Amino acid sequence: MYAGNLVELGSKADIFHAPAHPYTQGLLRAIPTLATDRAMPLATIEGTVPPIAQLPPGCPFEPRCSHRVTACARELPPLVEVRPRHWARCPVVNPHRI
């Protein structure tokens, strides 16, 4: 979920091992592991979550997304099945990449 919208839906294994949506990918990059260098800051997603009362007209993650395309600012993308029983709300998701 991001700003009240479902952005990715799938099994735990799909979400953790093959995240498709840029927001999910960013969240997982921010999880520290035993190998994380404690002297370095954790990875973050640039920007802030928009107020629910002031969501942009398209994808609410669009202002923060490094994969955005023009269509993202106009309308909320549909959920697309990127793998069997694994969906993501992103027009640039490439099912062959994951």
PDB file of N, CA and C in Angstrom:
ATOM      1  N   MET A   1       0.840  -1.177   0.000  1.00  0.00           N
ATOM      2  CA  MET A   1       0.000   0.000   0.000  1.00  0.00           C
ATOM      3  C   MET A   1       0.891   1.248   0.000  1.00  0.00           C
ATOM      4  N   TYR A   2       0.441   2.246  -0.733  1.00  0.00           N
ATOM      5  CA  TYR A   2       1.120   3.538  -0.718  1.00  0.00           C
ATOM      6  C   TYR A   2       0.041   4.603  -0.825  1.00  0.00           C
ATOM      7  N   ALA A   3      -0.014   5.511   0.132  1.00  0.00           N
ATOM      8  CA  ALA A   3      -0.983   6.608   0.150  1.00  0.00           C
ATOM      9  C   ALA A   3      -2.405   6.091  -0.071  1.00  0.00           C
ATOM     10  N   GLY A   4      -2.717   4.975   0.573  1.00  0.00           N
ATOM     11  CA  GLY A   4      -4.060   4.421   0.493  1.00  0.00           C
ATOM     12  C   GLY A   4      -4.360   3.610  -0.750  1.00  0.00           C
ATOM     13  N   ASN A   5      -3.370   3.374  -1.600  1.00  0.00           N
ATOM     14  CA  ASN A   5      -3.571   2.602  -2.830  1.00  0.00           C
ATOM     15  C   ASN A   5      -2.745   1.327  -2.802  1.00  0.00           C
ATOM     16  N   LEU A   6      -3.362   0.243  -3.240  1.00  0.00           N
ATOM     17  CA  LEU A   6      -2.651  -1.008  -3.371  1.00  0.00           C
ATOM     18  C   LEU A   6      -1.686  -0.880  -4.540  1.00  0.00           C
ATOM     19  N   VAL A   7      -0.391  -1.074  -4.311  1.00  0.00           N
ATOM     20  CA  VAL A   7       0.592  -0.955  -5.393  1.00  0.00           C
ATOM     21  C   VAL A   7       1.152  -2.303  -5.821  1.00  0.00           C
ATOM     22  N   GLU A   8       1.086  -3.295  -4.933  1.00  0.00           N
ATOM     23  CA  GLU A   8       1.598  -4.612  -5.301  1.00  0.00           C
ATOM     24  C   GLU A   8       0.888  -5.664  -4.471  1.00  0.00           C
ATOM     25  N   LEU A   9       0.588  -6.773  -5.113  1.00  0.00           N
ATOM     26  CA  LEU A   9      -0.119  -7.869  -4.461  1.00  0.00           C
ATOM     27  C   LEU A   9       0.492  -9.177  -4.935  1.00  0.00           C
ATOM     28  N   GLY A  10       0.863 -10.018  -4.005  1.00  0.00           N
ATOM     29  CA  GLY A  10       1.446 -11.300  -4.365  1.00  0.00           C
ATOM     30  C   GLY A  10       1.778 -12.089  -3.120  1.00  0.00           C
ATOM     31  N   SER A  11       2.358 -13.245  -3.326  1.00  0.00           N
ATOM     32  CA  SER A  11       2.766 -14.062  -2.184  1.00  0.00           C
ATOM     33  C   SER A  11       3.946 -13.401  -1.477  1.00  0.00           C
ATOM     34  N   LYS A  12       4.171 -13.829  -0.260  1.00  0.00           N
ATOM     35  CA  LYS A  12       5.317 -13.307   0.498  1.00  0.00           C
ATOM     36  C   LYS A  12       6.610 -13.535  -0.274  1.00  0.00           C
ATOM     37  N   ALA A  13       6.756 -14.707  -0.866  1.00  0.00           N
ATOM     38  CA  ALA A  13       7.974 -15.015  -1.628  1.00  0.00           C
ATOM     39  C   ALA A  13       8.131 -14.075  -2.818  1.00  0.00           C
ATOM     40  N   ASP A  14       7.043 -13.840  -3.559  1.00  0.00           N
ATOM     41  CA  ASP A  14       7.113 -12.921  -4.703  1.00  0.00           C
ATOM     42  C   ASP A  14       7.491 -11.514  -4.269  1.00  0.00           C
ATOM     43  N   ILE A  15       6.839 -11.038  -3.217  1.00  0.00           N
ATOM     44  CA  ILE A  15       7.074  -9.663  -2.765  1.00  0.00           C
ATOM     45  C   ILE A  15       8.512  -9.495  -2.277  1.00  0.00           C
ATOM     46  N   PHE A  16       9.025 -10.448  -1.503  1.00  0.00           N
ATOM     47  CA  PHE A  16      10.361 -10.305  -0.935  1.00  0.00           C
ATOM     48  C   PHE A  16      11.486 -10.693  -1.887  1.00  0.00           C
ATOM     49  N   HIS A  17      11.223 -11.608  -2.814  1.00  0.00           N
ATOM     50  CA  HIS A  17      12.302 -12.085  -3.689  1.00  0.00           C
ATOM     51  C   HIS A  17      12.246 -11.532  -5.103  1.00  0.00           C
ATOM     52  N   ALA A  18      11.093 -10.995  -5.508  1.00  0.00           N
ATOM     53  CA  ALA A  18      10.971 -10.434  -6.857  1.00  0.00           C
ATOM     54  C   ALA A  18      10.009  -9.254  -6.834  1.00  0.00           C
ATOM     55  N   PRO A  19      10.306  -8.220  -6.040  1.00  0.00           N
ATOM     56  CA  PRO A  19       9.391  -7.073  -5.981  1.00  0.00           C
ATOM     57  C   PRO A  19       9.289  -6.407  -7.346  1.00  0.00           C
ATOM     58  N   ALA A  20       8.062  -6.043  -7.727  1.00  0.00           N
ATOM     59  CA  ALA A  20       7.845  -5.473  -9.059  1.00  0.00           C
ATOM     60  C   ALA A  20       7.629  -3.964  -9.035  1.00  0.00           C
ATOM     61  N   HIS A  21       6.975  -3.451  -8.009  1.00  0.00           N
ATOM     62  CA  HIS A  21       6.679  -2.014  -7.967  1.00  0.00           C
ATOM     63  C   HIS A  21       7.872  -1.245  -7.396  1.00  0.00           C
ATOM     64  N   PRO A  22       8.180  -0.076  -7.959  1.00  0.00           N
ATOM     65  CA  PRO A  22       9.319   0.709  -7.454  1.00  0.00           C
ATOM     66  C   PRO A  22       9.232   1.046  -5.965  1.00  0.00           C
ATOM     67  N   TYR A  23       8.030   1.233  -5.426  1.00  0.00           N
ATOM     68  CA  TYR A  23       7.900   1.523  -4.001  1.00  0.00           C
ATOM     69  C   TYR A  23       8.297   0.295  -3.174  1.00  0.00           C
ATOM     70  N   THR A  24       7.820  -0.876  -3.565  1.00  0.00           N
ATOM     71  CA  THR A  24       8.183  -2.107  -2.861  1.00  0.00           C
ATOM     72  C   THR A  24       9.689  -2.326  -2.935  1.00  0.00           C
ATOM     73  N   GLN A  25      10.268  -2.115  -4.093  1.00  0.00           N
ATOM     74  CA  GLN A  25      11.720  -2.262  -4.255  1.00  0.00           C
ATOM     75  C   GLN A  25      12.463  -1.322  -3.308  1.00  0.00           C
ATOM     76  N   GLY A  26      12.002  -0.076  -3.218  1.00  0.00           N
ATOM     77  CA  GLY A  26      12.636   0.898  -2.332  1.00  0.00           C
ATOM     78  C   GLY A  26      12.518   0.509  -0.870  1.00  0.00           C
ATOM     79  N   LEU A  27      11.344   0.014  -0.464  1.00  0.00           N
ATOM     80  CA  LEU A  27      11.172  -0.416   0.921  1.00  0.00           C
ATOM     81  C   LEU A  27      12.127  -1.554   1.257  1.00  0.00           C
ATOM     82  N   LEU A  28      12.236  -2.510   0.356  1.00  0.00           N
ATOM     83  CA  LEU A  28      13.095  -3.660   0.631  1.00  0.00           C
ATOM     84  C   LEU A  28      14.574  -3.288   0.639  1.00  0.00           C
ATOM     85  N   ARG A  29      14.960  -2.302  -0.155  1.00  0.00           N
ATOM     86  CA  ARG A  29      16.359  -1.838  -0.121  1.00  0.00           C
ATOM     87  C   ARG A  29      16.693  -1.181   1.214  1.00  0.00           C
ATOM     88  N   ALA A  30      15.684  -0.697   1.923  1.00  0.00           N
ATOM     89  CA  ALA A  30      15.901   0.005   3.184  1.00  0.00           C
ATOM     90  C   ALA A  30      16.015  -0.926   4.386  1.00  0.00           C
ATOM     91  N   ILE A  31      15.770  -2.205   4.196  1.00  0.00           N
ATOM     92  CA  ILE A  31      15.842  -3.157   5.311  1.00  0.00           C
ATOM     93  C   ILE A  31      17.305  -3.487   5.603  1.00  0.00           C
ATOM     94  N   PRO A  32      17.746  -3.244   6.826  1.00  0.00           N
ATOM     95  CA  PRO A  32      19.131  -3.586   7.150  1.00  0.00           C
ATOM     96  C   PRO A  32      19.284  -5.104   7.296  1.00  0.00           C
ATOM     97  N   THR A  33      20.473  -5.594   7.021  1.00  0.00           N
ATOM     98  CA  THR A  33      20.799  -7.016   7.189  1.00  0.00           C
ATOM     99  C   THR A  33      22.022  -7.106   8.090  1.00  0.00           C
ATOM    100  N   LEU A  34      22.444  -8.319   8.375  1.00  0.00           N
ATOM    101  CA  LEU A  34      23.659  -8.496   9.169  1.00  0.00           C
ATOM    102  C   LEU A  34      24.883  -7.977   8.431  1.00  0.00           C
ATOM    103  N   ALA A  35      24.795  -7.917   7.098  1.00  0.00           N
ATOM    104  CA  ALA A  35      25.921  -7.427   6.294  1.00  0.00           C
ATOM    105  C   ALA A  35      25.892  -5.919   6.083  1.00  0.00           C
ATOM    106  N   THR A  36      24.838  -5.247   6.543  1.00  0.00           N
ATOM    107  CA  THR A  36      24.730  -3.805   6.353  1.00  0.00           C
ATOM    108  C   THR A  36      25.833  -3.082   7.121  1.00  0.00           C
ATOM    109  N   ASP A  37      26.524  -2.190   6.451  1.00  0.00           N
ATOM    110  CA  ASP A  37      27.571  -1.383   7.075  1.00  0.00           C
ATOM    111  C   ASP A  37      26.904  -0.374   8.010  1.00  0.00           C
ATOM    112  N   ARG A  38      27.090  -0.547   9.301  1.00  0.00           N
ATOM    113  CA  ARG A  38      26.440   0.312  10.297  1.00  0.00           C
ATOM    114  C   ARG A  38      26.956   1.750  10.252  1.00  0.00           C
ATOM    115  N   ALA A  39      28.085   1.967   9.590  1.00  0.00           N
ATOM    116  CA  ALA A  39      28.624   3.318   9.475  1.00  0.00           C
ATOM    117  C   ALA A  39      27.944   4.102   8.348  1.00  0.00           C
ATOM    118  N   MET A  40      27.199   3.396   7.494  1.00  0.00           N
ATOM    119  CA  MET A  40      26.528   4.038   6.361  1.00  0.00           C
ATOM    120  C   MET A  40      25.040   4.213   6.675  1.00  0.00           C
ATOM    121  N   PRO A  41      24.435   5.300   6.192  1.00  0.00           N
ATOM    122  CA  PRO A  41      22.997   5.455   6.411  1.00  0.00           C
ATOM    123  C   PRO A  41      22.221   4.415   5.594  1.00  0.00           C
ATOM    124  N   LEU A  42      21.045   4.067   6.083  1.00  0.00           N
ATOM    125  CA  LEU A  42      20.186   3.135   5.357  1.00  0.00           C
ATOM    126  C   LEU A  42      19.693   3.790   4.070  1.00  0.00           C
ATOM    127  N   ALA A  43      19.385   2.968   3.088  1.00  0.00           N
ATOM    128  CA  ALA A  43      18.815   3.469   1.841  1.00  0.00           C
ATOM    129  C   ALA A  43      17.447   4.086   2.145  1.00  0.00           C
ATOM    130  N   THR A  44      17.116   5.133   1.435  1.00  0.00           N
ATOM    131  CA  THR A  44      15.811   5.779   1.612  1.00  0.00           C
ATOM    132  C   THR A  44      15.173   6.006   0.248  1.00  0.00           C
ATOM    133  N   ILE A  45      13.893   6.330   0.274  1.00  0.00           N
ATOM    134  CA  ILE A  45      13.170   6.733  -0.923  1.00  0.00           C
ATOM    135  C   ILE A  45      13.054   8.252  -0.836  1.00  0.00           C
ATOM    136  N   GLU A  46      13.602   8.941  -1.813  1.00  0.00           N
ATOM    137  CA  GLU A  46      13.593  10.403  -1.785  1.00  0.00           C
ATOM    138  C   GLU A  46      12.152  10.939  -1.763  1.00  0.00           C
ATOM    139  N   GLY A  47      11.972  12.094  -1.144  1.00  0.00           N
ATOM    140  CA  GLY A  47      10.667  12.747  -1.106  1.00  0.00           C
ATOM    141  C   GLY A  47       9.837  12.301   0.082  1.00  0.00           C
ATOM    142  N   THR A  48       8.568  12.725   0.085  1.00  0.00           N
ATOM    143  CA  THR A  48       7.662  12.396   1.182  1.00  0.00           C
ATOM    144  C   THR A  48       6.321  11.924   0.630  1.00  0.00           C
ATOM    145  N   VAL A  49       5.593  11.209   1.470  1.00  0.00           N
ATOM    146  CA  VAL A  49       4.256  10.750   1.106  1.00  0.00           C
ATOM    147  C   VAL A  49       3.343  11.973   1.034  1.00  0.00           C
ATOM    148  N   PRO A  50       2.552  12.105  -0.044  1.00  0.00           N
ATOM    149  CA  PRO A  50       1.661  13.257  -0.132  1.00  0.00           C
ATOM    150  C   PRO A  50       0.509  13.137   0.868  1.00  0.00           C
ATOM    151  N   PRO A  51      -0.008  14.271   1.345  1.00  0.00           N
ATOM    152  CA  PRO A  51      -1.179  14.209   2.229  1.00  0.00           C
ATOM    153  C   PRO A  51      -2.347  13.552   1.486  1.00  0.00           C
ATOM    154  N   ILE A  52      -3.089  12.714   2.180  1.00  0.00           N
ATOM    155  CA  ILE A  52      -4.210  12.005   1.552  1.00  0.00           C
ATOM    156  C   ILE A  52      -5.198  12.980   0.919  1.00  0.00           C
ATOM    157  N   ALA A  53      -5.388  14.133   1.507  1.00  0.00           N
ATOM    158  CA  ALA A  53      -6.332  15.122   0.962  1.00  0.00           C
ATOM    159  C   ALA A  53      -5.774  15.857  -0.259  1.00  0.00           C
ATOM    160  N   GLN A  54      -4.493  15.661  -0.569  1.00  0.00           N
ATOM    161  CA  GLN A  54      -3.870  16.361  -1.691  1.00  0.00           C
ATOM    162  C   GLN A  54      -3.107  15.406  -2.598  1.00  0.00           C
ATOM    163  N   LEU A  55      -3.681  14.233  -2.864  1.00  0.00           N
ATOM    164  CA  LEU A  55      -3.013  13.271  -3.730  1.00  0.00           C
ATOM    165  C   LEU A  55      -2.964  13.794  -5.155  1.00  0.00           C
ATOM    166  N   PRO A  56      -1.891  13.525  -5.879  1.00  0.00           N
ATOM    167  CA  PRO A  56      -1.829  13.938  -7.279  1.00  0.00           C
ATOM    168  C   PRO A  56      -2.871  13.157  -8.085  1.00  0.00           C
ATOM    169  N   PRO A  57      -3.227  13.640  -9.276  1.00  0.00           N
ATOM    170  CA  PRO A  57      -4.292  12.986 -10.052  1.00  0.00           C
ATOM    171  C   PRO A  57      -3.929  11.589 -10.562  1.00  0.00           C
ATOM    172  N   GLY A  58      -2.678  11.284 -10.732  1.00  0.00           N
ATOM    173  CA  GLY A  58      -2.259   9.972 -11.233  1.00  0.00           C
ATOM    174  C   GLY A  58      -1.807   9.076 -10.112  1.00  0.00           C
ATOM    175  N   CYS A  59      -0.694   8.444 -10.307  1.00  0.00           N
ATOM    176  CA  CYS A  59      -0.118   7.571  -9.290  1.00  0.00           C
ATOM    177  C   CYS A  59       0.421   8.430  -8.147  1.00  0.00           C
ATOM    178  N   PRO A  60       0.020   8.162  -6.910  1.00  0.00           N
ATOM    179  CA  PRO A  60       0.521   8.989  -5.808  1.00  0.00           C
ATOM    180  C   PRO A  60       2.020   8.844  -5.564  1.00  0.00           C
ATOM    181  N   PHE A  61       2.628   7.770  -6.054  1.00  0.00           N
ATOM    182  CA  PHE A  61       4.074   7.583  -5.897  1.00  0.00           C
ATOM    183  C   PHE A  61       4.860   8.290  -7.003  1.00  0.00           C
ATOM    184  N   GLU A  62       4.192   8.737  -8.047  1.00  0.00           N
ATOM    185  CA  GLU A  62       4.851   9.319  -9.231  1.00  0.00           C
ATOM    186  C   GLU A  62       5.880  10.395  -8.907  1.00  0.00           C
ATOM    187  N   PRO A  63       5.603  11.356  -8.013  1.00  0.00           N
ATOM    188  CA  PRO A  63       6.613  12.393  -7.752  1.00  0.00           C
ATOM    189  C   PRO A  63       7.921  11.843  -7.181  1.00  0.00           C
ATOM    190  N   ARG A  64       7.884  10.679  -6.563  1.00  0.00           N
ATOM    191  CA  ARG A  64       9.072  10.108  -5.925  1.00  0.00           C
ATOM    192  C   ARG A  64       9.699   8.986  -6.751  1.00  0.00           C
ATOM    193  N   CYS A  65       9.069   8.600  -7.833  1.00  0.00           N
ATOM    194  CA  CYS A  65       9.459   7.395  -8.574  1.00  0.00           C
ATOM    195  C   CYS A  65      10.519   7.687  -9.639  1.00  0.00           C
ATOM    196  N   SER A  66      11.579   6.910  -9.618  1.00  0.00           N
ATOM    197  CA  SER A  66      12.632   7.086 -10.625  1.00  0.00           C
ATOM    198  C   SER A  66      12.275   6.411 -11.949  1.00  0.00           C
ATOM    199  N   HIS A  67      11.194   5.625 -11.979  1.00  0.00           N
ATOM    200  CA  HIS A  67      10.769   4.927 -13.193  1.00  0.00           C
ATOM    201  C   HIS A  67       9.556   5.577 -13.852  1.00  0.00           C
ATOM    202  N   ARG A  68       9.130   6.716 -13.372  1.00  0.00           N
ATOM    203  CA  ARG A  68       7.877   7.316 -13.854  1.00  0.00           C
ATOM    204  C   ARG A  68       7.932   7.661 -15.338  1.00  0.00           C
ATOM    205  N   VAL A  69       6.754   7.584 -15.940  1.00  0.00           N
ATOM    206  CA  VAL A  69       6.552   8.006 -17.323  1.00  0.00           C
ATOM    207  C   VAL A  69       5.408   9.018 -17.303  1.00  0.00           C
ATOM    208  N   THR A  70       5.197   9.704 -18.410  1.00  0.00           N
ATOM    209  CA  THR A  70       4.192  10.766 -18.463  1.00  0.00           C
ATOM    210  C   THR A  70       2.816  10.292 -18.003  1.00  0.00           C
ATOM    211  N   ALA A  71       2.438   9.089 -18.392  1.00  0.00           N
ATOM    212  CA  ALA A  71       1.114   8.570 -18.034  1.00  0.00           C
ATOM    213  C   ALA A  71       0.918   8.459 -16.522  1.00  0.00           C
ATOM    214  N   CYS A  72       1.985   8.289 -15.773  1.00  0.00           N
ATOM    215  CA  CYS A  72       1.880   8.143 -14.317  1.00  0.00           C
ATOM    216  C   CYS A  72       1.280   9.389 -13.668  1.00  0.00           C
ATOM    217  N   ALA A  73       1.533  10.548 -14.228  1.00  0.00           N
ATOM    218  CA  ALA A  73       1.026  11.797 -13.658  1.00  0.00           C
ATOM    219  C   ALA A  73      -0.435  12.039 -14.013  1.00  0.00           C
ATOM    220  N   ARG A  74      -0.946  11.341 -15.029  1.00  0.00           N
ATOM    221  CA  ARG A  74      -2.322  11.581 -15.494  1.00  0.00           C
ATOM    222  C   ARG A  74      -3.359  10.691 -14.846  1.00  0.00           C
ATOM    223  N   GLU A  75      -3.047   9.401 -14.694  1.00  0.00           N
ATOM    224  CA  GLU A  75      -4.047   8.479 -14.165  1.00  0.00           C
ATOM    225  C   GLU A  75      -3.398   7.375 -13.353  1.00  0.00           C
ATOM    226  N   LEU A  76      -4.174   6.833 -12.424  1.00  0.00           N
ATOM    227  CA  LEU A  76      -3.690   5.741 -11.593  1.00  0.00           C
ATOM    228  C   LEU A  76      -3.591   4.497 -12.463  1.00  0.00           C
ATOM    229  N   PRO A  77      -2.405   3.906 -12.579  1.00  0.00           N
ATOM    230  CA  PRO A  77      -2.254   2.713 -13.413  1.00  0.00           C
ATOM    231  C   PRO A  77      -3.075   1.542 -12.850  1.00  0.00           C
ATOM    232  N   PRO A  78      -3.528   0.655 -13.718  1.00  0.00           N
ATOM    233  CA  PRO A  78      -4.244  -0.537 -13.233  1.00  0.00           C
ATOM    234  C   PRO A  78      -3.261  -1.544 -12.650  1.00  0.00           C
ATOM    235  N   LEU A  79      -3.781  -2.450 -11.855  1.00  0.00           N
ATOM    236  CA  LEU A  79      -2.955  -3.565 -11.394  1.00  0.00           C
ATOM    237  C   LEU A  79      -2.734  -4.490 -12.583  1.00  0.00           C
ATOM    238  N   VAL A  80      -1.486  -4.847 -12.841  1.00  0.00           N
ATOM    239  CA  VAL A  80      -1.121  -5.706 -13.967  1.00  0.00           C
ATOM    240  C   VAL A  80      -0.477  -6.966 -13.403  1.00  0.00           C
ATOM    241  N   GLU A  81      -0.878  -8.115 -13.917  1.00  0.00           N
ATOM    242  CA  GLU A  81      -0.277  -9.364 -13.469  1.00  0.00           C
ATOM    243  C   GLU A  81       1.111  -9.484 -14.098  1.00  0.00           C
ATOM    244  N   VAL A  82       2.134  -9.412 -13.268  1.00  0.00           N
ATOM    245  CA  VAL A  82       3.513  -9.451 -13.758  1.00  0.00           C
ATOM    246  C   VAL A  82       4.083 -10.862 -13.744  1.00  0.00           C
ATOM    247  N   ARG A  83       3.492 -11.712 -12.936  1.00  0.00           N
ATOM    248  CA  ARG A  83       3.798 -13.141 -12.858  1.00  0.00           C
ATOM    249  C   ARG A  83       2.506 -13.809 -12.417  1.00  0.00           C
ATOM    250  N   PRO A  84       2.397 -15.098 -12.519  1.00  0.00           N
ATOM    251  CA  PRO A  84       1.167 -15.735 -12.039  1.00  0.00           C
ATOM    252  C   PRO A  84       0.896 -15.379 -10.574  1.00  0.00           C
ATOM    253  N   ARG A  85      -0.281 -14.845 -10.322  1.00  0.00           N
ATOM    254  CA  ARG A  85      -0.748 -14.452  -8.984  1.00  0.00           C
ATOM    255  C   ARG A  85       0.139 -13.382  -8.327  1.00  0.00           C
ATOM    256  N   HIS A  86       0.763 -12.533  -9.127  1.00  0.00           N
ATOM    257  CA  HIS A  86       1.602 -11.425  -8.631  1.00  0.00           C
ATOM    258  C   HIS A  86       1.284 -10.199  -9.487  1.00  0.00           C
ATOM    259  N   TRP A  87       0.716  -9.165  -8.848  1.00  0.00           N
ATOM    260  CA  TRP A  87       0.269  -7.970  -9.554  1.00  0.00           C
ATOM    261  C   TRP A  87       1.002  -6.740  -9.053  1.00  0.00           C
ATOM    262  N   ALA A  88       1.175  -5.766  -9.937  1.00  0.00           N
ATOM    263  CA  ALA A  88       1.772  -4.482  -9.568  1.00  0.00           C
ATOM    264  C   ALA A  88       1.060  -3.376 -10.333  1.00  0.00           C
ATOM    265  N   ARG A  89       0.952  -2.219  -9.697  1.00  0.00           N
ATOM    266  CA  ARG A  89       0.294  -1.052 -10.292  1.00  0.00           C
ATOM    267  C   ARG A  89       1.370  -0.116 -10.832  1.00  0.00           C
ATOM    268  N   CYS A  90       1.988  -0.512 -11.944  1.00  0.00           N
ATOM    269  CA  CYS A  90       3.065   0.284 -12.515  1.00  0.00           C
ATOM    270  C   CYS A  90       3.133   0.047 -14.016  1.00  0.00           C
ATOM    271  N   PRO A  91       3.046   1.115 -14.830  1.00  0.00           N
ATOM    272  CA  PRO A  91       3.066   0.923 -16.284  1.00  0.00           C
ATOM    273  C   PRO A  91       4.440   0.561 -16.841  1.00  0.00           C
ATOM    274  N   VAL A  92       5.493   0.684 -16.068  1.00  0.00           N
ATOM    275  CA  VAL A  92       6.821   0.376 -16.590  1.00  0.00           C
ATOM    276  C   VAL A  92       7.362  -0.958 -16.079  1.00  0.00           C
ATOM    277  N   VAL A  93       6.531  -1.686 -15.325  1.00  0.00           N
ATOM    278  CA  VAL A  93       6.956  -2.996 -14.839  1.00  0.00           C
ATOM    279  C   VAL A  93       7.142  -3.913 -16.034  1.00  0.00           C
ATOM    280  N   ASN A  94       8.292  -4.564 -16.065  1.00  0.00           N
ATOM    281  CA  ASN A  94       8.608  -5.506 -17.125  1.00  0.00           C
ATOM    282  C   ASN A  94       8.596  -6.906 -16.526  1.00  0.00           C
ATOM    283  N   PRO A  95       7.567  -7.713 -16.840  1.00  0.00           N
ATOM    284  CA  PRO A  95       7.493  -9.033 -16.216  1.00  0.00           C
ATOM    285  C   PRO A  95       8.687  -9.933 -16.527  1.00  0.00           C
ATOM    286  N   HIS A  96       9.432  -9.634 -17.575  1.00  0.00           N
ATOM    287  CA  HIS A  96      10.591 -10.463 -17.915  1.00  0.00           C
ATOM    288  C   HIS A  96      11.822 -10.072 -17.113  1.00  0.00           C
ATOM    289  N   ARG A  97      11.748  -8.932 -16.414  1.00  0.00           N
ATOM    290  CA  ARG A  97      12.873  -8.444 -15.625  1.00  0.00           C
ATOM    291  C   ARG A  97      12.944  -9.139 -14.282  1.00  0.00           C
ATOM    292  N   ILE A  98      11.816  -9.633 -13.788  1.00  0.00           N
ATOM    293  CA  ILE A  98      11.793 -10.208 -12.440  1.00  0.00           C
ATOM    294  C   ILE A  98      11.734 -11.719 -12.448  1.00  0.00           C
TER     295      ILE A  98
END
